[in-house]
Amino acid sequence: MNTLAALLCAGLGAAAALGSAASAGTLDTVRQNGVVKCAVNGSRPGFSSVDSHGAWHGIDIDTCRAVAAAVFGDPSKAQFLKTNNQTRLTALQTGEVDLTAANTTWTRARDTDLGLDFISPTFYDGQGLMVAKELGVTSVAELDGASVCVRPGSTSERVVADIQKKYDISLSLVVIEDQKEINTAFFGGRCDVAVQSSSGLSSTRAAVAPNPDDYVILPELFGKDPMGPVVRQDDAQWRDIVQWTIYTLFQAEESGVTAANVDEMRETSDDPAVRRLLGVDDAGGEGLGLDKDWAYNVIKAVGNYSEVFERNVGMGSPLKLPRGINALYTEGGLIYSPPL
């Protein structure tokens, strides 16, 4: 009996300790710090970069600002830490940041081995091909006989091999070790085709091409490259906050709510989904530990997903990417929010 009592006491003590740890979660830490700390790339136009005035821009930047708006009602309370491929997840694991939004691809190994949770992607990508507009090519199937710049042993090299088999065409490889040298070779006319993730191609075109309008990214994508925010696996509440912030951007687009009309929609809409979204009816704030206006604040701060996409990487931006698979599910894309 004494042993059983001791075990019960130990179990209750452990449960109390876990409860205490859970109560002192990321949301509490964020509020104590007064900012949401985000790891970003910082050197990828369209996703996260700094302009000549020191202002941050990009889909990943808007993601962090949206989370700050959800927590504080103020998007300026997002703080950015520039990282690279080697440090972007380590900074999250060690607690240096509260979330990572650094064009990080969701993979099984990262999801299961690193103590991390991946949120719904904010950008679906894949390997793409870019050509000079003067070639008059509109599809990968028309590239028979073209030369392709690739790095040896890269994903792009494997993609080129798969393309030749799939489309029954012949491509000649120009193998170059360094990505900067590949850019020089492609824009210098040494090869007809550049291969990279479509977001990488669009950033390269915007930043490196002598005249970006002279180059087109073909519509086909190869492989899967879903990218979005990442959080630590030890805090379900914080994961829900970041997850539903992203879903808010998606649902706002689906419901036609924008940064410009959000005040009017909150006052006049009789759509149940809009009323829940904007906190007129239950907006789930209590369950998230946020106030009822949290989703309204997100949309007011950064707009809906379409607005985020278009100003950063869409046709009106220097990257000029079509929506493609990043369209709403109602338009044939992959962007989808669960019901509110």
C-alpha atoms as a PDB file:
ATOM      1  CA  MET A   1       0.000   0.000   0.000  1.00  0.00           C
ATOM      2  CA  ASN A   2       2.845   2.349   0.851  1.00  0.00           C
ATOM      3  CA  THR A   3       4.420   1.586  -2.554  1.00  0.00           C
ATOM      4  CA  LEU A   4       1.113   2.211  -4.341  1.00  0.00           C
ATOM      5  CA  ALA A   5       0.643   5.483  -2.500  1.00  0.00           C
ATOM      6  CA  ALA A   6       4.140   6.549  -3.445  1.00  0.00           C
ATOM      7  CA  LEU A   7       3.512   5.714  -7.102  1.00  0.00           C
ATOM      8  CA  LEU A   8       0.245   7.627  -7.085  1.00  0.00           C
ATOM      9  CA  CYS A   9       1.913  10.648  -5.531  1.00  0.00           C
ATOM     10  CA  ALA A  10       4.706  10.469  -8.075  1.00  0.00           C
ATOM     11  CA  GLY A  11       2.191  10.248 -10.905  1.00  0.00           C
ATOM     12  CA  LEU A  12       0.218  13.214  -9.595  1.00  0.00           C
ATOM     13  CA  GLY A  13       3.431  15.175  -9.207  1.00  0.00           C
ATOM     14  CA  ALA A  14       4.447  14.430 -12.789  1.00  0.00           C
ATOM     15  CA  ALA A  15       1.007  15.411 -14.054  1.00  0.00           C
ATOM     16  CA  ALA A  16       1.194  18.671 -12.122  1.00  0.00           C
ATOM     17  CA  ALA A  17       4.629  19.370 -13.555  1.00  0.00           C
ATOM     18  CA  LEU A  18       3.386  18.711 -17.075  1.00  0.00           C
ATOM     19  CA  GLY A  19       0.390  20.950 -16.496  1.00  0.00           C
ATOM     20  CA  SER A  20       2.653  23.720 -15.238  1.00  0.00           C
ATOM     21  CA  ALA A  21       4.955  23.350 -18.251  1.00  0.00           C
ATOM     22  CA  ALA A  22       2.000  23.409 -20.623  1.00  0.00           C
ATOM     23  CA  SER A  23       0.584  26.541 -19.004  1.00  0.00           C
ATOM     24  CA  ALA A  24       3.904  28.323 -19.499  1.00  0.00           C
ATOM     25  CA  GLY A  25       3.819  27.757 -23.239  1.00  0.00           C
ATOM     26  CA  THR A  26       4.955  29.679 -26.291  1.00  0.00           C
ATOM     27  CA  LEU A  27       2.019  32.094 -26.194  1.00  0.00           C
ATOM     28  CA  ASP A  28       2.974  33.177 -22.668  1.00  0.00           C
ATOM     29  CA  THR A  29       6.607  33.578 -23.704  1.00  0.00           C
ATOM     30  CA  VAL A  30       5.626  35.588 -26.777  1.00  0.00           C
ATOM     31  CA  ARG A  31       3.479  37.909 -24.684  1.00  0.00           C
ATOM     32  CA  GLN A  32       6.251  38.355 -22.131  1.00  0.00           C
ATOM     33  CA  ASN A  33       8.727  39.216 -24.902  1.00  0.00           C
ATOM     34  CA  GLY A  34       6.270  41.547 -26.595  1.00  0.00           C
ATOM     35  CA  VAL A  35       7.136  40.164 -30.065  1.00  0.00           C
ATOM     36  CA  VAL A  36       6.738  37.069 -32.223  1.00  0.00           C
ATOM     37  CA  LYS A  37      10.261  35.975 -33.150  1.00  0.00           C
ATOM     38  CA  CYS A  38      10.461  34.494 -36.658  1.00  0.00           C
ATOM     39  CA  ALA A  39      13.340  32.778 -38.431  1.00  0.00           C
ATOM     40  CA  VAL A  40      13.357  33.772 -42.110  1.00  0.00           C
ATOM     41  CA  ASN A  41      15.696  33.409 -45.065  1.00  0.00           C
ATOM     42  CA  GLY A  42      16.079  37.109 -45.707  1.00  0.00           C
ATOM     43  CA  SER A  43      17.655  36.743 -49.140  1.00  0.00           C
ATOM     44  CA  ARG A  44      14.841  35.285 -51.221  1.00  0.00           C
ATOM     45  CA  PRO A  45      12.789  37.946 -53.030  1.00  0.00           C
ATOM     46  CA  GLY A  46       9.076  37.263 -52.881  1.00  0.00           C
ATOM     47  CA  PHE A  47       9.399  35.191 -49.723  1.00  0.00           C
ATOM     48  CA  SER A  48      11.652  37.143 -47.362  1.00  0.00           C
ATOM     49  CA  SER A  49      13.990  39.967 -48.233  1.00  0.00           C
ATOM     50  CA  VAL A  50      14.931  43.465 -47.125  1.00  0.00           C
ATOM     51  CA  ASP A  51      14.644  46.451 -49.434  1.00  0.00           C
ATOM     52  CA  SER A  52      17.022  49.415 -49.681  1.00  0.00           C
ATOM     53  CA  HIS A  53      15.103  51.195 -46.925  1.00  0.00           C
ATOM     54  CA  GLY A  54      15.473  48.300 -44.499  1.00  0.00           C
ATOM     55  CA  ALA A  55      11.843  47.165 -44.837  1.00  0.00           C
ATOM     56  CA  TRP A  56      11.016  43.456 -44.909  1.00  0.00           C
ATOM     57  CA  HIS A  57       8.827  41.956 -47.655  1.00  0.00           C
ATOM     58  CA  GLY A  58       7.585  38.529 -48.734  1.00  0.00           C
ATOM     59  CA  ILE A  59       5.061  35.762 -48.155  1.00  0.00           C
ATOM     60  CA  ASP A  60       7.029  34.464 -45.169  1.00  0.00           C
ATOM     61  CA  ILE A  61       7.244  37.976 -43.732  1.00  0.00           C
ATOM     62  CA  ASP A  62       3.482  38.445 -44.059  1.00  0.00           C
ATOM     63  CA  THR A  63       2.978  35.060 -42.388  1.00  0.00           C
ATOM     64  CA  CYS A  64       4.912  36.232 -39.337  1.00  0.00           C
ATOM     65  CA  ARG A  65       3.108  39.568 -39.320  1.00  0.00           C
ATOM     66  CA  ALA A  66      -0.232  37.770 -39.485  1.00  0.00           C
ATOM     67  CA  VAL A  67       0.665  35.727 -36.388  1.00  0.00           C
ATOM     68  CA  ALA A  68       1.741  38.905 -34.586  1.00  0.00           C
ATOM     69  CA  ALA A  69      -1.578  40.513 -35.528  1.00  0.00           C
ATOM     70  CA  ALA A  70      -3.447  37.475 -34.163  1.00  0.00           C
ATOM     71  CA  VAL A  71      -1.621  37.619 -30.821  1.00  0.00           C
ATOM     72  CA  PHE A  72      -1.121  41.355 -30.304  1.00  0.00           C
ATOM     73  CA  GLY A  73      -3.458  43.006 -32.816  1.00  0.00           C
ATOM     74  CA  ASP A  74      -0.300  44.606 -34.211  1.00  0.00           C
ATOM     75  CA  PRO A  75       1.642  43.202 -37.200  1.00  0.00           C
ATOM     76  CA  SER A  76       4.684  45.338 -36.363  1.00  0.00           C
ATOM     77  CA  LYS A  77       5.336  43.090 -33.369  1.00  0.00           C
ATOM     78  CA  ALA A  78       6.931  40.477 -35.617  1.00  0.00           C
ATOM     79  CA  GLN A  79      10.710  40.308 -35.210  1.00  0.00           C
ATOM     80  CA  PHE A  80      12.822  38.695 -37.933  1.00  0.00           C
ATOM     81  CA  LEU A  81      16.007  36.651 -37.576  1.00  0.00           C
ATOM     82  CA  LYS A  82      17.887  36.038 -40.818  1.00  0.00           C
ATOM     83  CA  THR A  83      18.910  32.363 -41.090  1.00  0.00           C
ATOM     84  CA  ASN A  84      20.176  29.899 -43.687  1.00  0.00           C
ATOM     85  CA  ASN A  85      19.374  26.274 -44.507  1.00  0.00           C
ATOM     86  CA  GLN A  86      21.645  25.065 -41.698  1.00  0.00           C
ATOM     87  CA  THR A  87      20.282  27.350 -38.939  1.00  0.00           C
ATOM     88  CA  ARG A  88      16.604  27.977 -39.751  1.00  0.00           C
ATOM     89  CA  LEU A  89      15.341  24.888 -37.879  1.00  0.00           C
ATOM     90  CA  THR A  90      18.031  24.862 -35.199  1.00  0.00           C
ATOM     91  CA  ALA A  91      16.965  28.371 -34.130  1.00  0.00           C
ATOM     92  CA  LEU A  92      13.455  26.999 -33.620  1.00  0.00           C
ATOM     93  CA  GLN A  93      14.563  23.863 -31.780  1.00  0.00           C
ATOM     94  CA  THR A  94      16.673  25.862 -29.318  1.00  0.00           C
ATOM     95  CA  GLY A  95      13.918  28.381 -28.595  1.00  0.00           C
ATOM     96  CA  GLU A  96      15.723  31.307 -30.199  1.00  0.00           C
ATOM     97  CA  VAL A  97      12.602  31.910 -32.305  1.00  0.00           C
ATOM     98  CA  ASP A  98       8.903  31.102 -31.919  1.00  0.00           C
ATOM     99  CA  LEU A  99       8.364  29.909 -35.477  1.00  0.00           C
ATOM    100  CA  THR A 100      10.308  29.411 -38.676  1.00  0.00           C
ATOM    101  CA  ALA A 101       9.005  30.794 -41.966  1.00  0.00           C
ATOM    102  CA  ALA A 102      12.019  30.368 -44.201  1.00  0.00           C
ATOM    103  CA  ASN A 103      10.696  28.619 -47.356  1.00  0.00           C
ATOM    104  CA  THR A 104      11.188  25.291 -45.567  1.00  0.00           C
ATOM    105  CA  THR A 105       9.953  22.185 -47.389  1.00  0.00           C
ATOM    106  CA  TRP A 106       7.693  19.857 -45.395  1.00  0.00           C
ATOM    107  CA  THR A 107       9.216  16.375 -45.455  1.00  0.00           C
ATOM    108  CA  ARG A 108       8.499  13.257 -43.424  1.00  0.00           C
ATOM    109  CA  ALA A 109      12.022  13.165 -41.970  1.00  0.00           C
ATOM    110  CA  ARG A 110      11.850  16.757 -40.747  1.00  0.00           C
ATOM    111  CA  ASP A 111       8.349  16.262 -39.403  1.00  0.00           C
ATOM    112  CA  THR A 112       9.064  13.068 -37.463  1.00  0.00           C
ATOM    113  CA  ASP A 113      12.744  13.243 -36.504  1.00  0.00           C
ATOM    114  CA  LEU A 114      13.343  16.831 -35.395  1.00  0.00           C
ATOM    115  CA  GLY A 115      10.634  17.492 -32.809  1.00  0.00           C
ATOM    116  CA  LEU A 116       8.868  19.906 -35.140  1.00  0.00           C
ATOM    117  CA  ASP A 117       5.359  20.406 -36.525  1.00  0.00           C
ATOM    118  CA  PHE A 118       4.654  21.724 -40.009  1.00  0.00           C
ATOM    119  CA  ILE A 119       1.697  24.031 -40.585  1.00  0.00           C
ATOM    120  CA  SER A 120      -0.404  23.972 -43.767  1.00  0.00           C
ATOM    121  CA  PRO A 121       1.788  25.191 -46.634  1.00  0.00           C
ATOM    122  CA  THR A 122       1.552  28.800 -47.691  1.00  0.00           C
ATOM    123  CA  PHE A 123       3.228  27.988 -51.017  1.00  0.00           C
ATOM    124  CA  TYR A 124       3.164  24.752 -53.007  1.00  0.00           C
ATOM    125  CA  ASP A 125       6.144  24.437 -55.281  1.00  0.00           C
ATOM    126  CA  GLY A 126       8.037  21.990 -57.447  1.00  0.00           C
ATOM    127  CA  GLN A 127      10.929  21.928 -59.875  1.00  0.00           C
ATOM    128  CA  GLY A 128      10.297  24.165 -62.866  1.00  0.00           C
ATOM    129  CA  LEU A 129      11.997  25.097 -66.126  1.00  0.00           C
ATOM    130  CA  MET A 130      12.764  28.594 -67.395  1.00  0.00           C
ATOM    131  CA  VAL A 131      13.554  29.578 -70.986  1.00  0.00           C
ATOM    132  CA  ALA A 132      14.113  32.743 -72.966  1.00  0.00           C
ATOM    133  CA  LYS A 133      10.850  34.088 -74.333  1.00  0.00           C
ATOM    134  CA  GLU A 134      12.389  34.419 -77.794  1.00  0.00           C
ATOM    135  CA  LEU A 135      12.495  30.596 -78.096  1.00  0.00           C
ATOM    136  CA  GLY A 136       8.700  30.634 -78.395  1.00  0.00           C
ATOM    137  CA  VAL A 137       8.363  27.572 -76.147  1.00  0.00           C
ATOM    138  CA  THR A 138       5.172  27.201 -74.097  1.00  0.00           C
ATOM    139  CA  SER A 139       5.524  23.630 -72.782  1.00  0.00           C
ATOM    140  CA  VAL A 140       8.230  21.227 -71.653  1.00  0.00           C
ATOM    141  CA  ALA A 141       7.142  18.878 -74.446  1.00  0.00           C
ATOM    142  CA  GLU A 142       8.514  21.388 -76.988  1.00  0.00           C
ATOM    143  CA  LEU A 143      12.087  21.300 -75.630  1.00  0.00           C
ATOM    144  CA  ASP A 144      13.448  18.402 -77.721  1.00  0.00           C
ATOM    145  CA  GLY A 145      17.114  19.093 -78.512  1.00  0.00           C
ATOM    146  CA  ALA A 146      17.482  21.904 -75.953  1.00  0.00           C
ATOM    147  CA  SER A 147      20.485  22.291 -73.658  1.00  0.00           C
ATOM    148  CA  VAL A 148      19.939  22.416 -69.893  1.00  0.00           C
ATOM    149  CA  CYS A 149      22.202  23.849 -67.183  1.00  0.00           C
ATOM    150  CA  VAL A 150      22.252  21.604 -64.097  1.00  0.00           C
ATOM    151  CA  ARG A 151      24.357  21.005 -61.012  1.00  0.00           C
ATOM    152  CA  PRO A 152      25.838  17.497 -60.782  1.00  0.00           C
ATOM    153  CA  GLY A 153      23.978  15.137 -58.423  1.00  0.00           C
ATOM    154  CA  SER A 154      21.205  17.665 -57.846  1.00  0.00           C
ATOM    155  CA  THR A 155      17.440  17.160 -57.755  1.00  0.00           C
ATOM    156  CA  SER A 156      17.349  19.164 -60.976  1.00  0.00           C
ATOM    157  CA  GLU A 157      19.583  16.624 -62.725  1.00  0.00           C
ATOM    158  CA  ARG A 158      17.214  13.807 -61.740  1.00  0.00           C
ATOM    159  CA  VAL A 159      14.226  15.863 -62.857  1.00  0.00           C
ATOM    160  CA  VAL A 160      15.795  16.377 -66.306  1.00  0.00           C
ATOM    161  CA  ALA A 161      16.289  12.613 -66.638  1.00  0.00           C
ATOM    162  CA  ASP A 162      12.641  11.997 -65.709  1.00  0.00           C
ATOM    163  CA  ILE A 163      11.437  14.662 -68.146  1.00  0.00           C
ATOM    164  CA  GLN A 164      13.246  13.033 -71.053  1.00  0.00           C
ATOM    165  CA  LYS A 165      11.550   9.715 -70.322  1.00  0.00           C
ATOM    166  CA  LYS A 166       8.109  11.193 -69.665  1.00  0.00           C
ATOM    167  CA  TYR A 167       7.985  13.355 -72.793  1.00  0.00           C
ATOM    168  CA  ASP A 168      10.211  11.171 -75.003  1.00  0.00           C
ATOM    169  CA  ILE A 169      12.536  14.066 -75.801  1.00  0.00           C
ATOM    170  CA  SER A 170      16.308  14.468 -75.828  1.00  0.00           C
ATOM    171  CA  LEU A 171      18.020  17.136 -73.713  1.00  0.00           C
ATOM    172  CA  SER A 172      21.752  17.846 -73.566  1.00  0.00           C
ATOM    173  CA  LEU A 173      23.173  18.611 -70.123  1.00  0.00           C
ATOM    174  CA  VAL A 174      25.553  21.468 -69.387  1.00  0.00           C
ATOM    175  CA  VAL A 175      26.887  20.413 -65.971  1.00  0.00           C
ATOM    176  CA  ILE A 176      28.063  23.280 -63.742  1.00  0.00           C
ATOM    177  CA  GLU A 177      28.972  23.043 -60.059  1.00  0.00           C
ATOM    178  CA  ASP A 178      27.980  26.487 -58.763  1.00  0.00           C
ATOM    179  CA  GLN A 179      24.495  28.032 -58.904  1.00  0.00           C
ATOM    180  CA  LYS A 180      25.879  31.506 -59.585  1.00  0.00           C
ATOM    181  CA  GLU A 181      27.824  30.111 -62.529  1.00  0.00           C
ATOM    182  CA  ILE A 182      24.646  28.424 -63.755  1.00  0.00           C
ATOM    183  CA  ASN A 183      22.850  31.778 -63.657  1.00  0.00           C
ATOM    184  CA  THR A 184      25.672  33.392 -65.618  1.00  0.00           C
ATOM    185  CA  ALA A 185      25.661  30.568 -68.173  1.00  0.00           C
ATOM    186  CA  PHE A 186      21.897  30.615 -68.651  1.00  0.00           C
ATOM    187  CA  PHE A 187      21.470  34.377 -68.957  1.00  0.00           C
ATOM    188  CA  GLY A 188      24.579  34.467 -71.130  1.00  0.00           C
ATOM    189  CA  GLY A 189      22.987  32.035 -73.599  1.00  0.00           C
ATOM    190  CA  ARG A 190      25.282  29.063 -72.941  1.00  0.00           C
ATOM    191  CA  CYS A 191      22.250  26.849 -72.286  1.00  0.00           C
ATOM    192  CA  ASP A 192      18.594  27.069 -73.309  1.00  0.00           C
ATOM    193  CA  VAL A 193      16.977  25.964 -70.063  1.00  0.00           C
ATOM    194  CA  ALA A 194      17.425  26.630 -66.338  1.00  0.00           C
ATOM    195  CA  VAL A 195      15.999  24.129 -63.835  1.00  0.00           C
ATOM    196  CA  GLN A 196      15.194  24.896 -60.196  1.00  0.00           C
ATOM    197  CA  SER A 197      12.178  25.226 -57.902  1.00  0.00           C
ATOM    198  CA  SER A 198       9.721  27.589 -59.573  1.00  0.00           C
ATOM    199  CA  SER A 199      10.026  30.019 -56.663  1.00  0.00           C
ATOM    200  CA  GLY A 200      13.815  29.901 -56.973  1.00  0.00           C
ATOM    201  CA  LEU A 201      13.581  30.498 -60.713  1.00  0.00           C
ATOM    202  CA  SER A 202      11.258  33.457 -60.220  1.00  0.00           C
ATOM    203  CA  SER A 203      13.554  34.986 -57.601  1.00  0.00           C
ATOM    204  CA  THR A 204      16.568  34.480 -59.893  1.00  0.00           C
ATOM    205  CA  ARG A 205      14.721  35.997 -62.835  1.00  0.00           C
ATOM    206  CA  ALA A 206      13.725  39.044 -60.778  1.00  0.00           C
ATOM    207  CA  ALA A 207      17.141  39.573 -59.195  1.00  0.00           C
ATOM    208  CA  VAL A 208      19.661  38.423 -61.843  1.00  0.00           C
ATOM    209  CA  ALA A 209      18.161  38.569 -65.348  1.00  0.00           C
ATOM    210  CA  PRO A 210      19.272  41.562 -67.461  1.00  0.00           C
ATOM    211  CA  ASN A 211      15.604  42.005 -68.425  1.00  0.00           C
ATOM    212  CA  PRO A 212      13.230  39.722 -66.435  1.00  0.00           C
ATOM    213  CA  ASP A 213      10.448  40.130 -69.022  1.00  0.00           C
ATOM    214  CA  ASP A 214      12.619  38.316 -71.575  1.00  0.00           C
ATOM    215  CA  TYR A 215      12.249  34.992 -69.699  1.00  0.00           C
ATOM    216  CA  VAL A 216       9.302  32.713 -68.982  1.00  0.00           C
ATOM    217  CA  ILE A 217       8.815  29.875 -66.507  1.00  0.00           C
ATOM    218  CA  LEU A 218       7.018  26.978 -68.197  1.00  0.00           C
ATOM    219  CA  PRO A 219       3.733  25.865 -66.574  1.00  0.00           C
ATOM    220  CA  GLU A 220       4.693  22.270 -65.705  1.00  0.00           C
ATOM    221  CA  LEU A 221       6.002  21.436 -62.216  1.00  0.00           C
ATOM    222  CA  PHE A 222       7.911  18.282 -61.242  1.00  0.00           C
ATOM    223  CA  GLY A 223       8.163  16.772 -57.777  1.00  0.00           C
ATOM    224  CA  LYS A 224       6.632  18.174 -54.579  1.00  0.00           C
ATOM    225  CA  ASP A 225       7.922  21.101 -52.559  1.00  0.00           C
ATOM    226  CA  PRO A 226       5.293  22.274 -50.018  1.00  0.00           C
ATOM    227  CA  MET A 227       6.599  25.195 -47.951  1.00  0.00           C
ATOM    228  CA  GLY A 228       5.115  26.899 -44.910  1.00  0.00           C
ATOM    229  CA  PRO A 229       5.609  27.802 -41.250  1.00  0.00           C
ATOM    230  CA  VAL A 230       7.161  25.399 -38.742  1.00  0.00           C
ATOM    231  CA  VAL A 231       6.727  25.305 -34.945  1.00  0.00           C
ATOM    232  CA  ARG A 232       8.034  23.140 -32.116  1.00  0.00           C
ATOM    233  CA  GLN A 233       6.147  19.929 -31.481  1.00  0.00           C
ATOM    234  CA  ASP A 234       5.746  20.521 -27.742  1.00  0.00           C
ATOM    235  CA  ASP A 235       3.001  23.162 -27.768  1.00  0.00           C
ATOM    236  CA  ALA A 236      -0.399  22.276 -29.224  1.00  0.00           C
ATOM    237  CA  GLN A 237      -1.912  25.670 -28.421  1.00  0.00           C
ATOM    238  CA  TRP A 238       0.789  27.587 -30.286  1.00  0.00           C
ATOM    239  CA  ARG A 239       0.529  25.208 -33.227  1.00  0.00           C
ATOM    240  CA  ASP A 240      -3.228  25.863 -33.352  1.00  0.00           C
ATOM    241  CA  ILE A 241      -2.694  29.629 -33.268  1.00  0.00           C
ATOM    242  CA  VAL A 242      -0.256  29.563 -36.191  1.00  0.00           C
ATOM    243  CA  GLN A 243      -2.326  26.969 -38.074  1.00  0.00           C
ATOM    244  CA  TRP A 244      -5.603  28.863 -37.782  1.00  0.00           C
ATOM    245  CA  THR A 245      -3.905  32.138 -38.651  1.00  0.00           C
ATOM    246  CA  ILE A 246      -2.981  30.559 -41.997  1.00  0.00           C
ATOM    247  CA  TYR A 247      -6.473  29.108 -42.414  1.00  0.00           C
ATOM    248  CA  THR A 248      -7.870  32.588 -41.745  1.00  0.00           C
ATOM    249  CA  LEU A 249      -5.983  33.929 -44.764  1.00  0.00           C
ATOM    250  CA  PHE A 250      -7.365  31.075 -46.881  1.00  0.00           C
ATOM    251  CA  GLN A 251     -10.950  31.421 -45.634  1.00  0.00           C
ATOM    252  CA  ALA A 252     -10.901  35.188 -46.048  1.00  0.00           C
ATOM    253  CA  GLU A 253     -10.104  34.784 -49.740  1.00  0.00           C
ATOM    254  CA  GLU A 254     -12.796  32.145 -50.156  1.00  0.00           C
ATOM    255  CA  SER A 255     -15.332  34.406 -48.441  1.00  0.00           C
ATOM    256  CA  GLY A 256     -14.301  37.523 -50.361  1.00  0.00           C
ATOM    257  CA  VAL A 257     -13.033  39.358 -47.276  1.00  0.00           C
ATOM    258  CA  THR A 258     -10.114  41.729 -47.926  1.00  0.00           C
ATOM    259  CA  ALA A 259      -8.094  44.248 -45.951  1.00  0.00           C
ATOM    260  CA  ALA A 260     -10.117  46.973 -47.666  1.00  0.00           C
ATOM    261  CA  ASN A 261     -13.623  45.614 -47.001  1.00  0.00           C
ATOM    262  CA  VAL A 262     -13.147  43.768 -43.693  1.00  0.00           C
ATOM    263  CA  ASP A 263     -14.776  46.547 -41.633  1.00  0.00           C
ATOM    264  CA  GLU A 264     -17.809  46.690 -43.902  1.00  0.00           C
ATOM    265  CA  MET A 265     -18.106  42.891 -43.994  1.00  0.00           C
ATOM    266  CA  ARG A 266     -18.016  42.709 -40.213  1.00  0.00           C
ATOM    267  CA  GLU A 267     -20.846  45.218 -39.987  1.00  0.00           C
ATOM    268  CA  THR A 268     -23.116  44.059 -42.813  1.00  0.00           C
ATOM    269  CA  SER A 269     -22.461  40.430 -43.818  1.00  0.00           C
ATOM    270  CA  ASP A 270     -25.083  37.831 -42.946  1.00  0.00           C
ATOM    271  CA  ASP A 271     -22.891  34.943 -44.195  1.00  0.00           C
ATOM    272  CA  PRO A 272     -22.402  32.609 -41.193  1.00  0.00           C
ATOM    273  CA  ALA A 273     -18.816  31.799 -42.251  1.00  0.00           C
ATOM    274  CA  VAL A 274     -17.932  35.502 -42.464  1.00  0.00           C
ATOM    275  CA  ARG A 275     -19.593  36.243 -39.122  1.00  0.00           C
ATOM    276  CA  ARG A 276     -17.597  33.468 -37.438  1.00  0.00           C
ATOM    277  CA  LEU A 277     -14.409  34.494 -39.234  1.00  0.00           C
ATOM    278  CA  LEU A 278     -14.613  38.111 -38.092  1.00  0.00           C
ATOM    279  CA  GLY A 279     -15.735  37.461 -34.521  1.00  0.00           C
ATOM    280  CA  VAL A 280     -19.310  38.673 -34.896  1.00  0.00           C
ATOM    281  CA  ASP A 281     -20.266  35.170 -33.853  1.00  0.00           C
ATOM    282  CA  ASP A 282     -17.822  32.792 -32.135  1.00  0.00           C
ATOM    283  CA  ALA A 283     -14.382  33.102 -33.764  1.00  0.00           C
ATOM    284  CA  GLY A 284     -12.644  30.471 -31.639  1.00  0.00           C
ATOM    285  CA  GLY A 285     -10.576  33.035 -29.790  1.00  0.00           C
ATOM    286  CA  GLU A 286     -11.264  31.594 -26.369  1.00  0.00           C
ATOM    287  CA  GLY A 287     -10.039  28.148 -27.360  1.00  0.00           C
ATOM    288  CA  LEU A 288      -6.860  29.669 -28.807  1.00  0.00           C
ATOM    289  CA  GLY A 289      -6.216  31.976 -25.882  1.00  0.00           C
ATOM    290  CA  LEU A 290      -6.816  35.039 -28.087  1.00  0.00           C
ATOM    291  CA  ASP A 291      -9.464  37.767 -28.093  1.00  0.00           C
ATOM    292  CA  LYS A 292     -12.511  37.601 -30.336  1.00  0.00           C
ATOM    293  CA  ASP A 293     -11.073  40.050 -32.866  1.00  0.00           C
ATOM    294  CA  TRP A 294      -7.927  38.022 -33.565  1.00  0.00           C
ATOM    295  CA  ALA A 295      -8.917  36.917 -37.089  1.00  0.00           C
ATOM    296  CA  TYR A 296     -10.264  40.359 -37.978  1.00  0.00           C
ATOM    297  CA  ASN A 297      -6.886  41.778 -36.913  1.00  0.00           C
ATOM    298  CA  VAL A 298      -5.058  39.287 -39.154  1.00  0.00           C
ATOM    299  CA  ILE A 299      -7.039  40.251 -42.258  1.00  0.00           C
ATOM    300  CA  LYS A 300      -6.886  43.964 -41.475  1.00  0.00           C
ATOM    301  CA  ALA A 301      -3.097  43.706 -41.145  1.00  0.00           C
ATOM    302  CA  VAL A 302      -2.083  41.627 -44.198  1.00  0.00           C
ATOM    303  CA  GLY A 303      -5.246  40.975 -46.216  1.00  0.00           C
ATOM    304  CA  ASN A 304      -6.397  37.559 -47.431  1.00  0.00           C
ATOM    305  CA  TYR A 305      -4.214  34.902 -49.033  1.00  0.00           C
ATOM    306  CA  SER A 306      -4.778  36.251 -52.547  1.00  0.00           C
ATOM    307  CA  GLU A 307      -3.569  39.691 -51.462  1.00  0.00           C
ATOM    308  CA  VAL A 308      -0.493  38.187 -49.780  1.00  0.00           C
ATOM    309  CA  PHE A 309       0.305  36.081 -52.856  1.00  0.00           C
ATOM    310  CA  GLU A 310      -0.254  38.773 -55.468  1.00  0.00           C
ATOM    311  CA  ARG A 311       1.763  41.554 -53.890  1.00  0.00           C
ATOM    312  CA  ASN A 312       4.738  39.307 -53.127  1.00  0.00           C
ATOM    313  CA  VAL A 313       5.022  36.766 -55.951  1.00  0.00           C
ATOM    314  CA  GLY A 314       1.978  37.215 -58.211  1.00  0.00           C
ATOM    315  CA  MET A 315       1.609  38.703 -61.653  1.00  0.00           C
ATOM    316  CA  GLY A 316       1.726  42.226 -60.269  1.00  0.00           C
ATOM    317  CA  SER A 317       5.053  41.588 -58.525  1.00  0.00           C
ATOM    318  CA  PRO A 318       8.565  41.336 -60.010  1.00  0.00           C
ATOM    319  CA  LEU A 319       8.334  37.513 -59.749  1.00  0.00           C
ATOM    320  CA  LYS A 320       5.162  37.316 -61.915  1.00  0.00           C
ATOM    321  CA  LEU A 321       4.102  33.844 -60.772  1.00  0.00           C
ATOM    322  CA  PRO A 322       0.637  32.578 -61.766  1.00  0.00           C
ATOM    323  CA  ARG A 323      -1.497  31.145 -58.973  1.00  0.00           C
ATOM    324  CA  GLY A 324      -1.390  27.625 -60.461  1.00  0.00           C
ATOM    325  CA  ILE A 325      -1.624  25.017 -57.692  1.00  0.00           C
ATOM    326  CA  ASN A 326      -1.608  27.861 -55.163  1.00  0.00           C
ATOM    327  CA  ALA A 327      -5.145  28.800 -56.206  1.00  0.00           C
ATOM    328  CA  LEU A 328      -8.143  28.043 -53.992  1.00  0.00           C
ATOM    329  CA  TYR A 329      -9.467  24.498 -54.167  1.00  0.00           C
ATOM    330  CA  THR A 330     -12.622  25.931 -55.771  1.00  0.00           C
ATOM    331  CA  GLU A 331     -10.434  27.043 -58.681  1.00  0.00           C
ATOM    332  CA  GLY A 332      -8.471  23.824 -59.100  1.00  0.00           C
ATOM    333  CA  GLY A 333      -5.707  24.623 -56.617  1.00  0.00           C
ATOM    334  CA  LEU A 334      -4.597  23.213 -53.257  1.00  0.00           C
ATOM    335  CA  ILE A 335      -5.450  26.138 -50.968  1.00  0.00           C
ATOM    336  CA  TYR A 336      -8.150  24.920 -48.587  1.00  0.00           C
ATOM    337  CA  SER A 337      -9.342  25.801 -45.097  1.00  0.00           C
ATOM    338  CA  PRO A 338     -11.339  23.437 -42.878  1.00  0.00           C
ATOM    339  CA  PRO A 339     -14.776  24.822 -41.993  1.00  0.00           C
ATOM    340  CA  LEU A 340     -15.033  27.276 -39.120  1.00  0.00           C
END
